[in-house]
Amino acid sequence: MKGMKYMTEKSQRLDLRIIRTRQLIENAFIDLLQEIELEKITVYKLAERATINRVTFYLHYRDIPDMIDKMAEEMSKNIKNILKAEIPEFTHSRGYRLVKLLEHLAENSKFYTVLLASNQIPVFTKHFINVMLEDITEKIGNQSANPIDSEFGVPADILLWYSASAFIGAITSWLRSDMSYTPKFLAKKLLILAPFASYDEVKTEPKS
């Protein structure tokens, strides 16, 4: 049992080391993107900025495109976890998750402003849109009827495209404006504007 405990602690230290090293590399990548074009970023420059050697970089990623793909996948996973997180009973689910998502974006504003709002690397925007399309599709599907389709004849897929694009556009503009509104305030207004929000959802929007 002592040997097993030792191996577990050793594995945990190794995992933490991996996380810290990848964070150093990714932070270095974001810093470099603010200074030079993507095409000019090399593994050598990344390693130098992250204060590691190139061998260490290749222990984690095959190359820069592989690193970008993994960063985008990790971003998607983080956003999905927020959108599917368990909700306290006293809190309205959509409003709660939206506030938590915006707070996550605010806490990691440098990452999202450089990799999402700047449009330098389309794969991040693509991943974000796909996650939001999946989430909005689920919300529309859970409604008994599409009120806009019933009243104005707008099919669900057009509603879906518009909703995701409008949301991403609002988020990127918010990031570019240095988050001029608090996450709670922005969430409250987005809930009012969201075409797929029912009256009850708007009525129970998060308090500012």
C-alpha atoms as a PDB file:
ATOM      1  CA  MET A   1       0.000   0.000   0.000  1.00  0.00           C
ATOM      2  CA  LYS A   2       2.868   2.388   0.792  1.00  0.00           C
ATOM      3  CA  GLY A   3       4.302   1.773  -2.655  1.00  0.00           C
ATOM      4  CA  MET A   4       0.937   2.512  -4.263  1.00  0.00           C
ATOM      5  CA  LYS A   5       0.586   5.733  -2.274  1.00  0.00           C
ATOM      6  CA  TYR A   6       4.084   6.775  -3.359  1.00  0.00           C
ATOM      7  CA  MET A   7       3.253   6.120  -7.003  1.00  0.00           C
ATOM      8  CA  THR A   8       0.022   8.098  -6.703  1.00  0.00           C
ATOM      9  CA  GLU A   9       1.826  11.092  -5.196  1.00  0.00           C
ATOM     10  CA  LYS A  10       4.550  10.804  -7.813  1.00  0.00           C
ATOM     11  CA  SER A  11       1.933  10.732 -10.586  1.00  0.00           C
ATOM     12  CA  GLN A  12       0.217  13.784  -9.137  1.00  0.00           C
ATOM     13  CA  ARG A  13       3.505  15.700  -9.069  1.00  0.00           C
ATOM     14  CA  LEU A  14       4.149  14.647 -12.666  1.00  0.00           C
ATOM     15  CA  ASP A  15       0.675  15.768 -13.740  1.00  0.00           C
ATOM     16  CA  LEU A  16       1.154  19.147 -12.059  1.00  0.00           C
ATOM     17  CA  ARG A  17       4.525  19.522 -13.763  1.00  0.00           C
ATOM     18  CA  ILE A  18       2.951  18.763 -17.144  1.00  0.00           C
ATOM     19  CA  ILE A  19       0.180  21.296 -16.535  1.00  0.00           C
ATOM     20  CA  ARG A  20       2.641  23.989 -15.453  1.00  0.00           C
ATOM     21  CA  THR A  21       4.919  23.382 -18.443  1.00  0.00           C
ATOM     22  CA  ARG A  22       2.047  23.508 -20.926  1.00  0.00           C
ATOM     23  CA  GLN A  23       0.790  26.679 -19.282  1.00  0.00           C
ATOM     24  CA  LEU A  24       4.222  28.256 -19.700  1.00  0.00           C
ATOM     25  CA  ILE A  25       4.271  27.302 -23.380  1.00  0.00           C
ATOM     26  CA  GLU A  26       0.736  28.512 -24.041  1.00  0.00           C
ATOM     27  CA  ASN A  27       1.301  31.798 -22.186  1.00  0.00           C
ATOM     28  CA  ALA A  28       4.461  32.329 -24.222  1.00  0.00           C
ATOM     29  CA  PHE A  29       2.476  31.676 -27.409  1.00  0.00           C
ATOM     30  CA  ILE A  30      -0.177  34.234 -26.468  1.00  0.00           C
ATOM     31  CA  ASP A  31       2.485  36.819 -25.598  1.00  0.00           C
ATOM     32  CA  LEU A  32       4.259  36.280 -28.920  1.00  0.00           C
ATOM     33  CA  LEU A  33       0.995  36.590 -30.858  1.00  0.00           C
ATOM     34  CA  GLN A  34       0.629  40.085 -29.432  1.00  0.00           C
ATOM     35  CA  GLU A  35       4.048  40.985 -30.806  1.00  0.00           C
ATOM     36  CA  ILE A  36       4.512  39.167 -34.109  1.00  0.00           C
ATOM     37  CA  GLU A  37       2.486  37.348 -36.774  1.00  0.00           C
ATOM     38  CA  LEU A  38       1.652  33.682 -36.313  1.00  0.00           C
ATOM     39  CA  GLU A  39       3.831  32.665 -39.278  1.00  0.00           C
ATOM     40  CA  LYS A  40       6.881  34.152 -37.567  1.00  0.00           C
ATOM     41  CA  ILE A  41       6.459  32.189 -34.347  1.00  0.00           C
ATOM     42  CA  THR A  42       8.853  29.258 -34.161  1.00  0.00           C
ATOM     43  CA  VAL A  43       9.408  26.514 -31.619  1.00  0.00           C
ATOM     44  CA  TYR A  44      12.729  28.142 -30.786  1.00  0.00           C
ATOM     45  CA  LYS A  45      11.055  31.483 -30.007  1.00  0.00           C
ATOM     46  CA  LEU A  46       8.337  29.738 -28.007  1.00  0.00           C
ATOM     47  CA  ALA A  47      10.831  27.770 -25.957  1.00  0.00           C
ATOM     48  CA  GLU A  48      12.964  30.830 -25.346  1.00  0.00           C
ATOM     49  CA  ARG A  49       9.969  32.888 -24.149  1.00  0.00           C
ATOM     50  CA  ALA A  50       8.683  30.020 -21.984  1.00  0.00           C
ATOM     51  CA  THR A  51      12.181  29.520 -20.498  1.00  0.00           C
ATOM     52  CA  ILE A  52      12.301  25.870 -21.527  1.00  0.00           C
ATOM     53  CA  ASN A  53      14.331  24.000 -24.147  1.00  0.00           C
ATOM     54  CA  ARG A  54      12.968  22.766 -27.472  1.00  0.00           C
ATOM     55  CA  VAL A  55      13.158  19.137 -26.359  1.00  0.00           C
ATOM     56  CA  THR A  56      10.663  19.932 -23.593  1.00  0.00           C
ATOM     57  CA  PHE A  57       8.313  21.496 -26.127  1.00  0.00           C
ATOM     58  CA  TYR A  58       8.365  18.348 -28.270  1.00  0.00           C
ATOM     59  CA  LEU A  59       7.556  16.227 -25.219  1.00  0.00           C
ATOM     60  CA  HIS A  60       4.168  17.953 -25.166  1.00  0.00           C
ATOM     61  CA  TYR A  61       3.399  18.841 -28.796  1.00  0.00           C
ATOM     62  CA  ARG A  62       4.403  17.579 -32.233  1.00  0.00           C
ATOM     63  CA  ASP A  63       4.635  21.105 -33.596  1.00  0.00           C
ATOM     64  CA  ILE A  64       2.941  24.488 -33.336  1.00  0.00           C
ATOM     65  CA  PRO A  65      -0.221  23.449 -35.267  1.00  0.00           C
ATOM     66  CA  ASP A  66      -0.601  20.489 -32.893  1.00  0.00           C
ATOM     67  CA  MET A  67      -0.276  22.846 -29.927  1.00  0.00           C
ATOM     68  CA  ILE A  68      -2.927  25.154 -31.397  1.00  0.00           C
ATOM     69  CA  ASP A  69      -5.324  22.224 -31.928  1.00  0.00           C
ATOM     70  CA  LYS A  70      -4.833  21.014 -28.368  1.00  0.00           C
ATOM     71  CA  MET A  71      -5.363  24.516 -26.981  1.00  0.00           C
ATOM     72  CA  ALA A  72      -8.597  24.862 -28.964  1.00  0.00           C
ATOM     73  CA  GLU A  73      -9.816  21.454 -27.772  1.00  0.00           C
ATOM     74  CA  GLU A  74      -9.036  22.347 -24.166  1.00  0.00           C
ATOM     75  CA  MET A  75     -10.909  25.636 -24.594  1.00  0.00           C
ATOM     76  CA  SER A  76     -13.953  23.757 -25.933  1.00  0.00           C
ATOM     77  CA  LYS A  77     -13.847  21.316 -23.027  1.00  0.00           C
ATOM     78  CA  ASN A  78     -13.716  24.129 -20.475  1.00  0.00           C
ATOM     79  CA  ILE A  79     -16.687  25.924 -22.047  1.00  0.00           C
ATOM     80  CA  LYS A  80     -18.714  22.712 -22.298  1.00  0.00           C
ATOM     81  CA  ASN A  81     -18.049  21.967 -18.636  1.00  0.00           C
ATOM     82  CA  ILE A  82     -19.393  25.394 -17.688  1.00  0.00           C
ATOM     83  CA  LEU A  83     -22.489  25.081 -19.878  1.00  0.00           C
ATOM     84  CA  LYS A  84     -23.287  21.627 -18.506  1.00  0.00           C
ATOM     85  CA  ALA A  85     -22.336  22.253 -14.881  1.00  0.00           C
ATOM     86  CA  GLU A  86     -24.721  21.277 -12.108  1.00  0.00           C
ATOM     87  CA  ILE A  87     -26.947  24.191 -11.164  1.00  0.00           C
ATOM     88  CA  PRO A  88     -27.939  25.134  -7.592  1.00  0.00           C
ATOM     89  CA  GLU A  89     -31.659  24.575  -7.041  1.00  0.00           C
ATOM     90  CA  PHE A  90     -32.320  28.235  -6.227  1.00  0.00           C
ATOM     91  CA  THR A  91     -30.681  29.494  -9.420  1.00  0.00           C
ATOM     92  CA  HIS A  92     -32.185  29.670 -12.890  1.00  0.00           C
ATOM     93  CA  SER A  93     -30.117  27.344 -15.081  1.00  0.00           C
ATOM     94  CA  ARG A  94     -29.603  29.444 -18.216  1.00  0.00           C
ATOM     95  CA  GLY A  95     -28.872  32.649 -16.392  1.00  0.00           C
ATOM     96  CA  TYR A  96     -26.502  30.949 -13.971  1.00  0.00           C
ATOM     97  CA  ARG A  97     -24.498  29.194 -16.669  1.00  0.00           C
ATOM     98  CA  LEU A  98     -24.307  32.274 -18.860  1.00  0.00           C
ATOM     99  CA  VAL A  99     -22.923  34.353 -15.994  1.00  0.00           C
ATOM    100  CA  LYS A 100     -20.403  31.615 -15.192  1.00  0.00           C
ATOM    101  CA  LEU A 101     -19.332  31.481 -18.846  1.00  0.00           C
ATOM    102  CA  LEU A 102     -18.834  35.238 -19.034  1.00  0.00           C
ATOM    103  CA  GLU A 103     -16.945  35.208 -15.740  1.00  0.00           C
ATOM    104  CA  HIS A 104     -14.684  32.494 -17.165  1.00  0.00           C
ATOM    105  CA  LEU A 105     -14.035  34.634 -20.250  1.00  0.00           C
ATOM    106  CA  ALA A 106     -13.299  37.653 -18.064  1.00  0.00           C
ATOM    107  CA  GLU A 107     -10.915  35.708 -15.816  1.00  0.00           C
ATOM    108  CA  ASN A 108      -9.062  34.505 -18.920  1.00  0.00           C
ATOM    109  CA  SER A 109      -9.543  37.672 -20.951  1.00  0.00           C
ATOM    110  CA  LYS A 110      -6.010  37.778 -22.322  1.00  0.00           C
ATOM    111  CA  PHE A 111      -6.378  34.262 -23.749  1.00  0.00           C
ATOM    112  CA  TYR A 112      -9.784  34.915 -25.322  1.00  0.00           C
ATOM    113  CA  THR A 113      -9.005  38.422 -26.564  1.00  0.00           C
ATOM    114  CA  VAL A 114      -5.871  37.258 -28.383  1.00  0.00           C
ATOM    115  CA  LEU A 115      -7.112  33.886 -29.632  1.00  0.00           C
ATOM    116  CA  LEU A 116     -10.807  34.590 -30.161  1.00  0.00           C
ATOM    117  CA  ALA A 117     -11.529  38.299 -30.491  1.00  0.00           C
ATOM    118  CA  SER A 118      -8.463  39.023 -32.632  1.00  0.00           C
ATOM    119  CA  ASN A 119      -9.457  36.453 -35.299  1.00  0.00           C
ATOM    120  CA  GLN A 120      -5.797  35.617 -35.868  1.00  0.00           C
ATOM    121  CA  ILE A 121      -6.432  31.882 -35.597  1.00  0.00           C
ATOM    122  CA  PRO A 122      -9.892  30.878 -36.932  1.00  0.00           C
ATOM    123  CA  VAL A 123      -9.826  27.434 -35.288  1.00  0.00           C
ATOM    124  CA  PHE A 124     -10.589  28.979 -31.882  1.00  0.00           C
ATOM    125  CA  THR A 125     -13.627  30.838 -33.182  1.00  0.00           C
ATOM    126  CA  LYS A 126     -14.743  27.665 -34.977  1.00  0.00           C
ATOM    127  CA  HIS A 127     -14.514  25.612 -31.796  1.00  0.00           C
ATOM    128  CA  PHE A 128     -16.350  28.262 -29.796  1.00  0.00           C
ATOM    129  CA  ILE A 129     -19.145  28.480 -32.369  1.00  0.00           C
ATOM    130  CA  ASN A 130     -19.515  24.697 -32.466  1.00  0.00           C
ATOM    131  CA  VAL A 131     -19.867  24.522 -28.685  1.00  0.00           C
ATOM    132  CA  MET A 132     -22.476  27.300 -28.678  1.00  0.00           C
ATOM    133  CA  LEU A 133     -24.381  25.724 -31.598  1.00  0.00           C
ATOM    134  CA  GLU A 134     -24.561  22.477 -29.662  1.00  0.00           C
ATOM    135  CA  ASP A 135     -25.765  24.246 -26.518  1.00  0.00           C
ATOM    136  CA  ILE A 136     -28.351  26.405 -28.298  1.00  0.00           C
ATOM    137  CA  THR A 137     -29.591  23.399 -30.306  1.00  0.00           C
ATOM    138  CA  GLU A 138     -30.237  21.586 -27.044  1.00  0.00           C
ATOM    139  CA  LYS A 139     -32.098  24.565 -25.576  1.00  0.00           C
ATOM    140  CA  ILE A 140     -34.253  25.022 -28.667  1.00  0.00           C
ATOM    141  CA  GLY A 141     -34.940  21.290 -28.736  1.00  0.00           C
ATOM    142  CA  ASN A 142     -36.095  21.358 -25.113  1.00  0.00           C
ATOM    143  CA  GLN A 143     -38.766  23.954 -25.876  1.00  0.00           C
ATOM    144  CA  SER A 144     -42.189  22.603 -26.785  1.00  0.00           C
ATOM    145  CA  ALA A 145     -42.336  24.926 -29.777  1.00  0.00           C
ATOM    146  CA  ASN A 146     -40.195  27.510 -31.500  1.00  0.00           C
ATOM    147  CA  PRO A 147     -42.104  30.774 -30.830  1.00  0.00           C
ATOM    148  CA  ILE A 148     -40.387  32.641 -33.679  1.00  0.00           C
ATOM    149  CA  ASP A 149     -41.185  29.839 -36.125  1.00  0.00           C
ATOM    150  CA  SER A 150     -44.813  29.788 -34.951  1.00  0.00           C
ATOM    151  CA  GLU A 151     -45.320  33.538 -35.243  1.00  0.00           C
ATOM    152  CA  PHE A 152     -42.992  34.566 -38.071  1.00  0.00           C
ATOM    153  CA  GLY A 153     -42.234  31.330 -39.921  1.00  0.00           C
ATOM    154  CA  VAL A 154     -38.493  31.283 -39.115  1.00  0.00           C
ATOM    155  CA  PRO A 155     -37.174  27.687 -39.260  1.00  0.00           C
ATOM    156  CA  ALA A 156     -35.201  26.356 -36.283  1.00  0.00           C
ATOM    157  CA  ASP A 157     -31.937  26.025 -38.224  1.00  0.00           C
ATOM    158  CA  ILE A 158     -31.971  29.715 -39.268  1.00  0.00           C
ATOM    159  CA  LEU A 159     -32.759  30.663 -35.675  1.00  0.00           C
ATOM    160  CA  LEU A 160     -29.841  28.509 -34.574  1.00  0.00           C
ATOM    161  CA  TRP A 161     -27.351  30.093 -36.997  1.00  0.00           C
ATOM    162  CA  TYR A 162     -28.459  33.597 -36.094  1.00  0.00           C
ATOM    163  CA  SER A 163     -28.384  32.969 -32.343  1.00  0.00           C
ATOM    164  CA  ALA A 164     -24.887  31.484 -32.298  1.00  0.00           C
ATOM    165  CA  SER A 165     -23.448  34.176 -34.582  1.00  0.00           C
ATOM    166  CA  ALA A 166     -25.077  36.998 -32.627  1.00  0.00           C
ATOM    167  CA  PHE A 167     -23.820  35.591 -29.337  1.00  0.00           C
ATOM    168  CA  ILE A 168     -20.249  35.150 -30.558  1.00  0.00           C
ATOM    169  CA  GLY A 169     -20.321  38.643 -32.081  1.00  0.00           C
ATOM    170  CA  ALA A 170     -21.476  40.185 -28.809  1.00  0.00           C
ATOM    171  CA  ILE A 171     -18.836  38.285 -26.845  1.00  0.00           C
ATOM    172  CA  THR A 172     -15.957  39.271 -29.128  1.00  0.00           C
ATOM    173  CA  SER A 173     -17.048  42.921 -29.141  1.00  0.00           C
ATOM    174  CA  TRP A 174     -17.250  42.822 -25.345  1.00  0.00           C
ATOM    175  CA  LEU A 175     -13.715  41.440 -25.136  1.00  0.00           C
ATOM    176  CA  ARG A 176     -12.398  44.024 -27.592  1.00  0.00           C
ATOM    177  CA  SER A 177     -13.982  46.820 -25.527  1.00  0.00           C
ATOM    178  CA  ASP A 178     -11.965  45.660 -22.518  1.00  0.00           C
ATOM    179  CA  MET A 179     -15.117  44.152 -20.977  1.00  0.00           C
ATOM    180  CA  SER A 180     -16.896  47.471 -20.530  1.00  0.00           C
ATOM    181  CA  TYR A 181     -19.814  45.697 -18.783  1.00  0.00           C
ATOM    182  CA  THR A 182     -19.734  43.240 -15.909  1.00  0.00           C
ATOM    183  CA  PRO A 183     -20.467  39.566 -16.710  1.00  0.00           C
ATOM    184  CA  LYS A 184     -23.760  39.731 -14.759  1.00  0.00           C
ATOM    185  CA  PHE A 185     -24.947  42.871 -16.543  1.00  0.00           C
ATOM    186  CA  LEU A 186     -24.047  41.508 -19.977  1.00  0.00           C
ATOM    187  CA  ALA A 187     -25.689  38.162 -19.209  1.00  0.00           C
ATOM    188  CA  LYS A 188     -28.895  39.919 -18.191  1.00  0.00           C
ATOM    189  CA  LYS A 189     -29.059  41.860 -21.462  1.00  0.00           C
ATOM    190  CA  LEU A 190     -28.136  38.866 -23.618  1.00  0.00           C
ATOM    191  CA  LEU A 191     -30.956  36.885 -22.047  1.00  0.00           C
ATOM    192  CA  ILE A 192     -33.400  39.600 -23.063  1.00  0.00           C
ATOM    193  CA  LEU A 193     -32.044  39.689 -26.624  1.00  0.00           C
ATOM    194  CA  ALA A 194     -31.754  35.923 -27.098  1.00  0.00           C
ATOM    195  CA  PRO A 195     -34.447  34.946 -29.628  1.00  0.00           C
ATOM    196  CA  PHE A 196     -34.697  31.430 -28.176  1.00  0.00           C
ATOM    197  CA  ALA A 197     -35.367  32.635 -24.598  1.00  0.00           C
ATOM    198  CA  SER A 198     -38.879  32.091 -23.321  1.00  0.00           C
ATOM    199  CA  TYR A 199     -40.655  34.748 -21.241  1.00  0.00           C
ATOM    200  CA  ASP A 200     -40.022  32.792 -18.043  1.00  0.00           C
ATOM    201  CA  GLU A 201     -36.295  32.638 -18.767  1.00  0.00           C
ATOM    202  CA  VAL A 202     -36.107  36.395 -19.283  1.00  0.00           C
ATOM    203  CA  LYS A 203     -38.205  37.026 -16.190  1.00  0.00           C
ATOM    204  CA  THR A 204     -35.772  35.017 -14.043  1.00  0.00           C
ATOM    205  CA  GLU A 205     -32.617  36.521 -15.507  1.00  0.00           C
ATOM    206  CA  PRO A 206     -29.610  36.910 -13.161  1.00  0.00           C
ATOM    207  CA  LYS A 207     -29.616  39.960 -10.929  1.00  0.00           C
ATOM    208  CA  SER A 208     -26.946  42.605 -11.508  1.00  0.00           C
END
